[in-house]
Amino acid sequence: NMMPMTARGSAAASGAMSSLAAVGADGYYYPPDYDGNKHRSLRGYNKVPNARKLKTQKKEKASLVVRFEMPYNVSCCGCGKTIAKGVRFNAEKRQHGAYYTTKIWTFRMKTPCCKSVMEIRTDPKNTDYIVVEGAKRMAAAEDRG
């Protein structure tokens, strides 16, 4: 009774694992040109970036899409139409700075009327929002005094 030859050759057919198969079973393969002193780890050999470095790089450029509700009536600078208080937008949220320890956030969104970009920033000093670009705040009854 001869066992047929497999893709691994006679060693696999006889039940013993080849050295490469044994290494593969553990999940580690060190290539022939790998030098432990030079590369320190397989991560270094494969030039895989450090996850912590990636996180900080992403934080600097990061923006989050959030649901933003218009805090007051504004007039669109693109077409002049009114955007009412309470209208909700998908806005891009970014940190702009800080007022003492409170973060100042910037929200960028497209207007529903003409798709021009509008930017609103938080104002922690006055507990309010500031329209930075793309729209103009309309005077409300409580603002007039």
Protein backbone atom coordinates (compact mmCIF):
# COMPACT_ATOMS: atom_id res chain seq x y z
CA ASN A 1 0.00 0.00 0.00
CA MET A 2 1.72 3.14 -1.23
CA MET A 3 0.29 6.49 -0.14
CA PRO A 4 -0.06 8.99 -2.97
CA MET A 5 2.30 11.96 -3.01
CA THR A 6 0.80 15.26 -1.84
CA ALA A 7 1.71 18.85 -2.65
CA ARG A 8 3.96 18.92 0.42
CA GLY A 9 5.98 15.95 -0.71
CA SER A 10 6.89 12.77 1.07
CA ALA A 11 7.33 14.35 4.52
CA ALA A 12 3.70 15.47 4.64
CA ALA A 13 2.54 12.09 3.37
CA SER A 14 4.36 10.29 6.15
CA GLY A 15 2.72 12.48 8.81
CA ALA A 16 5.72 14.68 9.72
CA MET A 17 5.43 18.43 9.02
CA SER A 18 8.02 20.20 6.96
CA SER A 19 9.86 23.02 8.75
CA LEU A 20 8.09 25.69 6.67
CA ALA A 21 4.67 24.21 7.41
CA ALA A 22 5.46 24.10 11.13
CA VAL A 23 6.44 27.76 11.12
CA GLY A 24 3.31 28.64 9.16
CA ALA A 25 1.17 26.84 11.72
CA ASP A 26 2.50 29.17 14.44
CA GLY A 27 1.87 32.22 12.29
CA TYR A 28 5.50 33.35 12.17
CA TYR A 29 7.70 33.23 9.11
CA TYR A 30 11.16 34.76 9.16
CA PRO A 31 12.46 35.31 5.61
CA PRO A 32 16.05 34.35 4.79
CA ASP A 33 17.22 38.00 4.64
CA TYR A 34 15.73 38.83 8.07
CA ASP A 35 18.34 40.05 10.57
CA GLY A 36 17.15 40.21 14.19
CA ASN A 37 19.70 42.89 15.17
CA LYS A 38 18.89 45.10 12.21
CA HIS A 39 15.09 44.79 12.07
CA ARG A 40 14.31 44.17 15.76
CA SER A 41 10.91 42.64 14.91
CA LEU A 42 8.86 41.35 11.98
CA ARG A 43 6.94 44.63 12.13
CA GLY A 44 10.19 46.50 11.50
CA TYR A 45 11.13 44.14 8.68
CA ASN A 46 7.77 44.56 6.96
CA LYS A 47 7.83 48.32 7.67
CA VAL A 48 4.43 48.28 9.37
CA PRO A 49 3.84 51.70 10.98
CA ASN A 50 3.26 52.02 14.70
CA ALA A 51 -0.47 52.25 15.49
CA ARG A 52 0.08 54.99 18.09
CA LYS A 53 1.88 57.20 15.53
CA LEU A 54 -0.93 56.66 13.03
CA LYS A 55 -3.53 57.66 15.62
CA THR A 56 -1.85 60.99 16.36
CA GLN A 57 -1.38 61.72 12.65
CA LYS A 58 -5.06 61.04 12.03
CA LYS A 59 -6.10 63.22 14.98
CA GLU A 60 -4.42 66.27 13.48
CA LYS A 61 -6.34 65.95 10.23
CA ALA A 62 -9.40 64.29 11.67
CA SER A 63 -12.91 65.52 11.11
CA LEU A 64 -16.05 63.84 12.26
CA VAL A 65 -19.43 63.98 10.52
CA VAL A 66 -22.14 64.79 13.05
CA ARG A 67 -25.78 65.80 12.99
CA PHE A 68 -25.97 69.57 13.61
CA GLU A 69 -29.13 71.54 14.35
CA MET A 70 -29.25 75.22 13.40
CA PRO A 71 -29.29 77.19 16.69
CA TYR A 72 -31.03 80.27 15.20
CA ASN A 73 -32.38 81.66 11.93
CA VAL A 74 -29.73 82.51 9.36
CA SER A 75 -29.77 83.98 5.87
CA CYS A 76 -27.79 82.17 3.17
CA CYS A 77 -25.10 84.36 1.58
CA GLY A 78 -25.26 82.34 -1.65
CA CYS A 79 -28.91 82.86 -2.53
CA GLY A 80 -30.40 84.96 0.29
CA LYS A 81 -32.93 82.36 1.46
CA THR A 82 -33.70 81.90 5.14
CA ILE A 83 -32.55 78.74 6.92
CA ALA A 84 -34.77 78.33 9.95
CA LYS A 85 -33.79 77.47 13.50
CA GLY A 86 -33.99 73.71 14.06
CA VAL A 87 -33.04 72.64 10.52
CA ARG A 88 -30.66 69.68 10.76
CA PHE A 89 -27.51 69.12 8.74
CA ASN A 90 -24.78 66.53 8.36
CA ALA A 91 -21.85 68.70 9.38
CA GLU A 92 -18.11 68.15 9.44
CA LYS A 93 -16.92 68.77 13.01
CA ARG A 94 -13.34 69.92 13.69
CA GLN A 95 -11.59 71.31 16.72
CA HIS A 96 -10.61 74.93 16.08
CA GLY A 97 -8.93 75.88 19.34
CA ALA A 98 -9.68 76.26 23.02
CA TYR A 99 -11.06 78.79 25.45
CA TYR A 100 -9.27 77.96 28.69
CA THR A 101 -9.91 74.20 28.86
CA THR A 102 -13.09 74.20 26.73
CA LYS A 103 -12.66 73.11 23.12
CA ILE A 104 -13.87 75.42 20.34
CA TRP A 105 -15.54 73.42 17.57
CA THR A 106 -16.11 74.36 13.94
CA PHE A 107 -19.02 72.89 11.95
CA ARG A 108 -18.94 73.00 8.13
CA MET A 109 -22.02 72.07 6.15
CA LYS A 110 -23.69 72.71 2.81
CA THR A 111 -26.79 74.88 2.70
CA PRO A 112 -29.93 73.05 1.54
CA CYS A 113 -30.94 75.85 -0.84
CA CYS A 114 -27.88 76.43 -3.07
CA LYS A 115 -25.30 73.95 -1.69
CA SER A 116 -22.82 76.69 -0.74
CA VAL A 117 -20.58 75.97 2.25
CA MET A 118 -21.53 77.44 5.62
CA GLU A 119 -19.32 77.41 8.71
CA ILE A 120 -20.42 77.91 12.33
CA ARG A 121 -18.11 77.99 15.35
CA THR A 122 -18.87 77.54 19.04
CA ASP A 123 -18.26 80.51 21.34
CA PRO A 124 -17.80 79.17 24.89
CA LYS A 125 -17.01 82.63 26.27
CA ASN A 126 -20.51 83.90 25.47
CA THR A 127 -22.20 80.46 25.38
CA ASP A 128 -23.25 81.05 21.78
CA TYR A 129 -22.45 80.16 18.17
CA ILE A 130 -20.70 82.42 15.64
CA VAL A 131 -21.47 82.25 11.91
CA VAL A 132 -18.03 82.37 10.30
CA GLU A 133 -18.86 82.11 6.59
CA GLY A 134 -21.58 81.30 4.08
CA ALA A 135 -24.49 82.74 6.07
CA LYS A 136 -25.53 85.73 8.16
CA ARG A 137 -27.30 85.58 11.51
CA MET A 138 -30.79 87.06 11.45
CA ALA A 139 -31.85 89.18 14.42
CA ALA A 140 -34.34 87.28 16.56
CA ALA A 141 -36.88 88.77 18.99
CA GLU A 142 -34.68 87.91 22.00
CA ASP A 143 -31.65 89.55 20.30
CA ARG A 144 -33.43 92.87 19.72
CA GLY A 145 -33.89 93.42 23.41
